[in-house]
Amino acid sequence: MEQKIRRDRNMGDNLRKLRLDHDISQEKLCAELQRRGCDIGRSTYAKYEAGELNIRASVIIELKKIYNCSYDDFFEGLDVNI
């Protein structure tokens, strides 16, 4: 029996936009996240942006502080039907 994988919504595009809007590289962002206690490497973060891996809530909390933005910025446009 063929099994279909349900694709969930991902916020990768929003993560990339926020990072680029703040003119920061993935490497520098990950270094700052690590300084704040989030053990995130660049390859893992790249997977978040590519939508290949779901981001942890603890990382979103720290990104909100780094970007000084609202949580809505992470979820913008994700409430539309897939």
N, C-alpha and C. Protein backbone atom coordinates (compact mmCIF):
# COMPACT_ATOMS: atom_id res chain seq x y z
N MET A 1 0.84 -1.17 0.00
CA MET A 1 0.00 0.00 0.00
C MET A 1 0.89 1.25 0.00
N GLU A 2 0.61 2.16 -0.91
CA GLU A 2 1.38 3.39 -0.99
C GLU A 2 0.95 4.34 0.13
N GLN A 3 1.93 4.89 0.80
CA GLN A 3 1.65 5.80 1.90
C GLN A 3 2.04 7.22 1.48
N LYS A 4 1.13 8.14 1.66
CA LYS A 4 1.41 9.54 1.34
C LYS A 4 1.87 10.26 2.59
N ILE A 5 2.88 11.08 2.44
CA ILE A 5 3.38 11.87 3.54
C ILE A 5 2.64 13.20 3.53
N ARG A 6 2.03 13.54 4.63
CA ARG A 6 1.31 14.81 4.75
C ARG A 6 2.32 15.93 4.90
N ARG A 7 2.21 16.89 4.02
CA ARG A 7 3.11 18.03 4.10
C ARG A 7 2.51 19.07 5.03
N ASP A 8 3.27 19.44 6.04
CA ASP A 8 2.83 20.45 6.98
C ASP A 8 3.29 21.82 6.50
N ARG A 9 2.73 22.84 7.05
CA ARG A 9 3.15 24.21 6.71
C ARG A 9 4.53 24.43 7.30
N ASN A 10 5.35 25.21 6.60
CA ASN A 10 6.66 25.53 7.16
C ASN A 10 6.89 27.03 7.06
N MET A 11 7.70 27.53 7.96
CA MET A 11 7.95 28.95 8.03
C MET A 11 9.32 29.31 7.47
N GLY A 12 9.89 28.45 6.68
CA GLY A 12 11.22 28.67 6.14
C GLY A 12 11.38 29.98 5.40
N ASP A 13 10.42 30.33 4.55
CA ASP A 13 10.51 31.59 3.82
C ASP A 13 10.50 32.79 4.76
N ASN A 14 9.69 32.71 5.80
CA ASN A 14 9.63 33.80 6.77
C ASN A 14 10.94 33.89 7.57
N LEU A 15 11.52 32.75 7.92
CA LEU A 15 12.80 32.76 8.62
C LEU A 15 13.88 33.39 7.76
N ARG A 16 13.91 33.03 6.49
CA ARG A 16 14.90 33.58 5.56
C ARG A 16 14.71 35.09 5.40
N LYS A 17 13.46 35.51 5.23
CA LYS A 17 13.17 36.94 5.05
C LYS A 17 13.61 37.74 6.27
N LEU A 18 13.28 37.28 7.45
CA LEU A 18 13.69 37.98 8.67
C LEU A 18 15.20 38.08 8.77
N ARG A 19 15.89 36.99 8.47
CA ARG A 19 17.35 36.98 8.56
C ARG A 19 17.95 37.97 7.56
N LEU A 20 17.46 37.93 6.33
CA LEU A 20 17.99 38.82 5.30
C LEU A 20 17.63 40.28 5.59
N ASP A 21 16.45 40.52 6.12
CA ASP A 21 16.05 41.88 6.49
C ASP A 21 16.98 42.46 7.55
N HIS A 22 17.58 41.59 8.36
CA HIS A 22 18.50 42.03 9.40
C HIS A 22 19.96 41.90 8.96
N ASP A 23 20.15 41.55 7.69
CA ASP A 23 21.49 41.50 7.09
C ASP A 23 22.48 40.68 7.93
N ILE A 24 22.06 39.44 8.21
CA ILE A 24 22.91 38.56 9.01
C ILE A 24 23.03 37.21 8.29
N SER A 25 24.21 36.65 8.31
CA SER A 25 24.43 35.36 7.67
C SER A 25 23.91 34.24 8.58
N GLN A 26 23.71 33.09 7.99
CA GLN A 26 23.30 31.93 8.79
C GLN A 26 24.36 31.61 9.84
N GLU A 27 25.63 31.74 9.47
CA GLU A 27 26.71 31.43 10.40
C GLU A 27 26.68 32.35 11.61
N LYS A 28 26.53 33.66 11.36
CA LYS A 28 26.51 34.62 12.47
C LYS A 28 25.26 34.44 13.32
N LEU A 29 24.14 34.16 12.67
CA LEU A 29 22.90 33.94 13.41
C LEU A 29 23.04 32.72 14.32
N CYS A 30 23.59 31.65 13.79
CA CYS A 30 23.76 30.44 14.59
C CYS A 30 24.72 30.67 15.75
N ALA A 31 25.77 31.46 15.53
CA ALA A 31 26.70 31.78 16.61
C ALA A 31 25.97 32.54 17.72
N GLU A 32 25.10 33.47 17.35
CA GLU A 32 24.33 34.22 18.34
C GLU A 32 23.34 33.30 19.06
N LEU A 33 22.69 32.42 18.33
CA LEU A 33 21.77 31.47 18.96
C LEU A 33 22.51 30.57 19.94
N GLN A 34 23.70 30.13 19.56
CA GLN A 34 24.49 29.28 20.46
C GLN A 34 24.90 30.05 21.71
N ARG A 35 25.25 31.31 21.54
CA ARG A 35 25.60 32.16 22.68
C ARG A 35 24.42 32.27 23.65
N ARG A 36 23.20 32.19 23.10
CA ARG A 36 21.98 32.29 23.90
C ARG A 36 21.47 30.92 24.37
N GLY A 37 22.24 29.87 24.16
CA GLY A 37 21.88 28.56 24.69
C GLY A 37 21.16 27.62 23.75
N CYS A 38 21.00 28.01 22.47
CA CYS A 38 20.38 27.12 21.48
C CYS A 38 21.48 26.44 20.69
N ASP A 39 21.57 25.14 20.81
CA ASP A 39 22.63 24.39 20.14
C ASP A 39 22.22 24.13 18.69
N ILE A 40 22.41 25.13 17.83
CA ILE A 40 22.01 25.07 16.43
C ILE A 40 23.22 25.30 15.54
N GLY A 41 23.47 24.36 14.64
CA GLY A 41 24.51 24.53 13.65
C GLY A 41 23.94 25.12 12.36
N ARG A 42 24.81 25.60 11.50
CA ARG A 42 24.36 26.23 10.27
C ARG A 42 23.60 25.27 9.39
N SER A 43 24.04 24.02 9.31
CA SER A 43 23.33 23.06 8.44
C SER A 43 21.92 22.78 8.95
N THR A 44 21.75 22.75 10.26
CA THR A 44 20.42 22.57 10.82
C THR A 44 19.56 23.78 10.52
N TYR A 45 20.11 24.97 10.72
CA TYR A 45 19.34 26.18 10.46
C TYR A 45 18.97 26.28 8.98
N ALA A 46 19.88 25.87 8.11
CA ALA A 46 19.57 25.88 6.67
C ALA A 46 18.38 24.98 6.37
N LYS A 47 18.27 23.87 7.10
CA LYS A 47 17.12 22.97 6.92
C LYS A 47 15.83 23.62 7.39
N TYR A 48 15.90 24.45 8.43
CA TYR A 48 14.72 25.20 8.87
C TYR A 48 14.24 26.10 7.73
N GLU A 49 15.18 26.84 7.14
CA GLU A 49 14.81 27.77 6.08
C GLU A 49 14.33 27.05 4.82
N ALA A 50 14.85 25.86 4.57
CA ALA A 50 14.45 25.09 3.40
C ALA A 50 13.14 24.34 3.62
N GLY A 51 12.64 24.35 4.84
CA GLY A 51 11.40 23.63 5.15
C GLY A 51 11.59 22.14 5.29
N GLU A 52 12.83 21.70 5.49
CA GLU A 52 13.13 20.28 5.62
C GLU A 52 13.08 19.80 7.06
N LEU A 53 13.04 20.75 7.99
CA LEU A 53 13.07 20.41 9.41
C LEU A 53 12.21 21.42 10.15
N ASN A 54 11.40 20.95 11.08
CA ASN A 54 10.58 21.86 11.89
C ASN A 54 11.45 22.50 12.96
N ILE A 55 11.24 23.79 13.14
CA ILE A 55 12.03 24.56 14.10
C ILE A 55 11.46 24.39 15.51
N ARG A 56 12.34 24.35 16.49
CA ARG A 56 11.93 24.21 17.88
C ARG A 56 11.41 25.54 18.41
N ALA A 57 10.47 25.46 19.32
CA ALA A 57 9.89 26.67 19.92
C ALA A 57 10.96 27.50 20.62
N SER A 58 11.92 26.86 21.27
CA SER A 58 12.97 27.60 21.98
C SER A 58 13.79 28.46 21.02
N VAL A 59 13.97 28.00 19.80
CA VAL A 59 14.71 28.76 18.80
C VAL A 59 13.88 29.95 18.34
N ILE A 60 12.59 29.74 18.15
CA ILE A 60 11.71 30.85 17.75
C ILE A 60 11.71 31.94 18.82
N ILE A 61 11.69 31.54 20.07
CA ILE A 61 11.69 32.51 21.17
C ILE A 61 12.95 33.37 21.11
N GLU A 62 14.10 32.74 20.88
CA GLU A 62 15.35 33.50 20.82
C GLU A 62 15.43 34.35 19.55
N LEU A 63 14.92 33.83 18.44
CA LEU A 63 14.92 34.62 17.20
C LEU A 63 14.05 35.87 17.36
N LYS A 64 12.94 35.74 18.06
CA LYS A 64 12.07 36.89 18.31
C LYS A 64 12.83 37.98 19.05
N LYS A 65 13.64 37.58 20.03
CA LYS A 65 14.44 38.54 20.78
C LYS A 65 15.53 39.17 19.90
N ILE A 66 16.18 38.36 19.08
CA ILE A 66 17.25 38.86 18.21
C ILE A 66 16.69 39.85 17.20
N TYR A 67 15.57 39.51 16.58
CA TYR A 67 14.99 40.35 15.53
C TYR A 67 14.10 41.46 16.07
N ASN A 68 13.77 41.39 17.37
CA ASN A 68 12.86 42.37 17.97
C ASN A 68 11.58 42.48 17.13
N CYS A 69 10.96 41.33 16.90
CA CYS A 69 9.76 41.26 16.07
C CYS A 69 8.65 40.57 16.85
N SER A 70 7.51 40.41 16.22
CA SER A 70 6.40 39.70 16.86
C SER A 70 6.38 38.25 16.39
N TYR A 71 5.70 37.41 17.12
CA TYR A 71 5.56 36.02 16.70
C TYR A 71 4.80 35.93 15.37
N ASP A 72 3.92 36.89 15.13
CA ASP A 72 3.17 36.90 13.88
C ASP A 72 4.09 36.94 12.67
N ASP A 73 5.25 37.58 12.80
CA ASP A 73 6.19 37.65 11.68
C ASP A 73 6.67 36.27 11.25
N PHE A 74 6.75 35.33 12.17
CA PHE A 74 7.19 33.97 11.84
C PHE A 74 6.10 33.18 11.12
N PHE A 75 4.84 33.50 11.44
CA PHE A 75 3.72 32.74 10.90
C PHE A 75 2.97 33.43 9.77
N GLU A 76 3.50 34.55 9.32
CA GLU A 76 2.84 35.33 8.28
C GLU A 76 2.59 34.49 7.02
N GLY A 77 1.34 34.48 6.57
CA GLY A 77 0.98 33.78 5.35
C GLY A 77 0.77 32.29 5.49
N LEU A 78 0.95 31.75 6.68
CA LEU A 78 0.83 30.30 6.85
C LEU A 78 -0.59 29.84 7.11
N ASP A 79 -1.52 30.77 7.27
CA ASP A 79 -2.89 30.37 7.57
C ASP A 79 -3.74 30.16 6.32
N VAL A 80 -3.11 30.23 5.14
CA VAL A 80 -3.84 29.95 3.89
C VAL A 80 -3.89 28.45 3.67
N ASN A 81 -4.86 27.99 2.93
CA ASN A 81 -4.99 26.55 2.67
C ASN A 81 -3.85 26.04 1.82
N ILE A 82 -3.44 24.84 2.11
CA ILE A 82 -2.36 24.20 1.33
C ILE A 82 -2.95 23.53 0.12
